């Protein structure tokens, strides 16, 4: 939620976000430090102004000022969802990479998913691997749903959103 506020409202200040699960309310607070002289009004508040709020404030104290925008709930929810989904995809990709990196220089069995002019795409369970034309058998015709054995010569952590790929497959007969 802090990221959503900073990103959508161009605020680089110290903020805290509270969420009331019972009511569904989200509140954003700018946290400012009480100082003798204010150099950055986004991060600091003068002792004089702080004492106008409450006479008990001293230099070094932190004060929360509510800065919740009217439409923050909807925007924050969208941004939070995007951030969470991105982190989940990154974690999934890392887990799959960790799982399949151990198969580098090993023989695996897979199923031909599809092919184009450059690659044959082979499903090896949770991942789709690519076999470049240079590693394909010259007179072999790969058809969808063919089960083949391949030598995994290289494992890469691809940055594509929905596909982790193993590169450098060589068919084994």
Protein backbone atom coordinates (compact mmCIF):
# COMPACT_ATOMS: atom_id res chain seq x y z
CA UNK A 1 0.00 0.00 0.00
CA UNK A 2 2.93 2.31 0.71
CA UNK A 3 4.29 1.58 -2.74
CA UNK A 4 0.89 2.34 -4.25
CA UNK A 5 0.71 5.70 -2.52
CA UNK A 6 4.25 6.69 -3.44
CA UNK A 7 3.87 5.53 -7.05
CA UNK A 8 0.44 6.99 -7.79
CA UNK A 9 0.75 10.25 -5.91
CA UNK A 10 4.43 10.98 -6.63
CA UNK A 11 5.22 11.20 -2.95
CA UNK A 12 8.70 10.38 -1.69
CA UNK A 13 7.87 11.01 1.95
CA UNK A 14 7.83 8.63 4.87
CA UNK A 15 4.36 7.13 4.95
CA UNK A 16 2.57 4.53 7.00
CA UNK A 17 -0.55 2.76 5.85
CA UNK A 18 -3.08 1.23 8.21
CA UNK A 19 -5.79 -1.18 7.17
CA UNK A 20 -8.88 -1.86 9.26
CA UNK A 21 -9.87 -5.39 8.28
CA UNK A 22 -13.29 -5.14 9.95
CA UNK A 23 -14.37 -1.92 8.21
CA UNK A 24 -12.18 -2.26 5.12
CA UNK A 25 -10.80 1.25 5.66
CA UNK A 26 -7.34 2.25 4.50
CA UNK A 27 -5.64 5.29 5.99
CA UNK A 28 -2.36 6.83 4.85
CA UNK A 29 -0.24 8.87 7.26
CA UNK A 30 2.76 11.07 6.47
CA UNK A 31 5.29 10.62 9.26
CA UNK A 32 7.27 13.77 10.02
CA UNK A 33 10.03 14.40 12.52
CA UNK A 34 9.88 17.41 14.83
CA UNK A 35 12.93 19.63 14.22
CA UNK A 36 14.15 23.05 15.24
CA UNK A 37 14.54 24.13 11.61
CA UNK A 38 12.67 22.60 8.67
CA UNK A 39 14.81 21.72 5.64
CA UNK A 40 12.34 19.35 3.93
CA UNK A 41 8.66 19.94 4.66
CA UNK A 42 7.77 16.47 3.40
CA UNK A 43 9.87 14.84 6.14
CA UNK A 44 10.00 17.44 8.90
CA UNK A 45 7.74 19.71 10.92
CA UNK A 46 8.89 22.66 13.02
CA UNK A 47 8.75 22.52 16.81
CA UNK A 48 6.47 25.58 16.76
CA UNK A 49 3.93 23.87 14.46
CA UNK A 50 4.15 20.64 16.46
CA UNK A 51 3.47 22.45 19.72
CA UNK A 52 0.41 24.07 18.13
CA UNK A 53 -0.97 20.55 17.71
CA UNK A 54 0.10 19.28 21.13
CA UNK A 55 2.30 21.06 23.69
CA UNK A 56 3.95 17.75 24.69
CA UNK A 57 5.91 17.39 21.42
CA UNK A 58 9.69 17.73 21.57
CA UNK A 59 12.49 17.79 18.98
CA UNK A 60 13.07 14.27 17.65
CA UNK A 61 9.45 13.14 18.09
CA UNK A 62 7.54 11.77 15.10
CA UNK A 63 4.05 13.00 14.21
CA UNK A 64 1.58 11.28 11.89
CA UNK A 65 -0.50 13.46 9.58
CA UNK A 66 -3.37 11.78 7.71
CA UNK A 67 -2.96 12.25 3.94
CA UNK A 68 -5.39 9.63 2.62
CA UNK A 69 -6.61 10.58 -0.89
CA UNK A 70 -10.33 10.14 -1.65
CA UNK A 71 -9.91 7.41 -4.28
CA UNK A 72 -6.92 5.73 -2.64
CA UNK A 73 -8.66 2.42 -1.87
CA UNK A 74 -9.31 1.51 -5.49
CA UNK A 75 -5.92 2.67 -6.80
CA UNK A 76 -4.05 1.08 -3.91
CA UNK A 77 -5.83 -2.21 -4.43
CA UNK A 78 -4.90 -2.26 -8.13
CA UNK A 79 -1.27 -1.39 -7.48
CA UNK A 80 -1.00 -3.83 -4.57
CA UNK A 81 -2.44 -6.59 -6.75
CA UNK A 82 0.10 -5.86 -9.50
CA UNK A 83 3.01 -5.84 -7.05
CA UNK A 84 1.85 -9.06 -5.38
CA UNK A 85 1.29 -10.84 -8.72
CA UNK A 86 4.73 -9.78 -9.95
CA UNK A 87 6.39 -11.07 -6.78
CA UNK A 88 4.45 -14.35 -7.00
CA UNK A 89 5.56 -14.84 -10.63
CA UNK A 90 9.17 -14.10 -9.69
CA UNK A 91 8.99 -16.60 -6.82
CA UNK A 92 7.42 -19.26 -9.06
CA UNK A 93 10.07 -18.72 -11.72
CA UNK A 94 12.83 -18.98 -9.09
CA UNK A 95 11.35 -22.21 -7.70
CA UNK A 96 11.06 -23.80 -11.13
CA UNK A 97 14.58 -22.70 -12.02
CA UNK A 98 15.92 -24.20 -8.78
CA UNK A 99 14.04 -27.43 -9.45
CA UNK A 100 15.13 -27.84 -13.09
CA UNK A 101 18.67 -26.48 -12.89
CA UNK A 102 19.70 -29.82 -11.38
CA UNK A 103 18.79 -31.52 -14.69
CA UNK A 104 21.43 -29.65 -16.69
CA UNK A 105 23.61 -32.19 -18.54
CA UNK A 106 21.02 -34.91 -17.93
CA UNK A 107 18.66 -36.91 -20.16
CA UNK A 108 14.93 -36.29 -19.70
CA UNK A 109 11.77 -37.48 -21.40
CA UNK A 110 9.28 -34.93 -22.73
CA UNK A 111 6.39 -34.37 -25.10
CA UNK A 112 6.52 -32.29 -28.28
CA UNK A 113 4.09 -29.42 -27.80
CA UNK A 114 4.57 -27.53 -31.07
CA UNK A 115 7.19 -26.48 -33.55
CA UNK A 116 8.04 -23.52 -35.76
CA UNK A 117 10.83 -22.69 -38.20
CA UNK A 118 13.44 -22.23 -35.46
CA UNK A 119 12.46 -24.42 -32.53
CA UNK A 120 10.69 -27.54 -31.36
CA UNK A 121 8.95 -26.85 -28.04
CA UNK A 122 9.06 -29.77 -25.62
CA UNK A 123 7.02 -30.04 -22.42
CA UNK A 124 9.09 -31.47 -19.57
CA UNK A 125 6.42 -31.32 -16.90
CA UNK A 126 6.16 -27.83 -15.39
CA UNK A 127 8.39 -26.23 -18.00
CA UNK A 128 8.47 -25.80 -21.73
CA UNK A 129 11.90 -26.37 -23.20
CA UNK A 130 13.13 -25.27 -26.59
CA UNK A 131 15.19 -27.35 -28.99
CA UNK A 132 16.88 -25.16 -31.62
CA UNK A 133 17.12 -26.31 -35.23
CA UNK A 134 20.90 -26.77 -34.87
CA UNK A 135 20.32 -29.45 -32.19
CA UNK A 136 17.54 -31.31 -34.03
CA UNK A 137 18.17 -34.55 -35.90
CA UNK A 138 18.38 -33.68 -39.61
CA UNK A 139 15.91 -36.19 -41.01
CA UNK A 140 13.63 -36.40 -37.99
CA UNK A 141 10.11 -34.96 -38.21
CA UNK A 142 8.80 -33.91 -34.81
CA UNK A 143 5.02 -34.12 -34.47
CA UNK A 144 2.77 -32.85 -31.70
CA UNK A 145 2.38 -35.25 -28.78
CA UNK A 146 5.48 -37.30 -29.77
CA UNK A 147 7.33 -38.51 -26.68
CA UNK A 148 11.06 -37.94 -27.05
CA UNK A 149 14.16 -38.18 -24.91
CA UNK A 150 16.39 -35.12 -24.85
CA UNK A 151 19.73 -34.13 -23.39
CA UNK A 152 19.44 -30.88 -21.41
CA UNK A 153 22.61 -28.99 -22.25
CA UNK A 154 21.66 -25.63 -20.76
CA UNK A 155 19.18 -24.25 -18.20
CA UNK A 156 18.32 -20.54 -18.30
CA UNK A 157 16.17 -18.44 -16.04
CA UNK A 158 14.08 -16.81 -18.78
CA UNK A 159 12.47 -13.45 -18.08
CA UNK A 160 9.29 -14.15 -20.03
CA UNK A 161 6.22 -13.71 -17.87
CA UNK A 162 4.60 -17.12 -18.21
CA UNK A 163 7.30 -19.39 -19.52
CA UNK A 164 10.45 -20.75 -18.00
CA UNK A 165 12.61 -22.33 -20.65
CA UNK A 166 15.36 -24.86 -20.88
CA UNK A 167 17.57 -24.16 -23.87
CA UNK A 168 19.91 -26.41 -25.77
CA UNK A 169 17.97 -29.66 -25.92
CA UNK A 170 19.41 -32.45 -28.03
CA UNK A 171 17.33 -35.52 -28.94
CA UNK A 172 18.63 -38.84 -27.64
CA UNK A 173 17.90 -42.10 -29.44
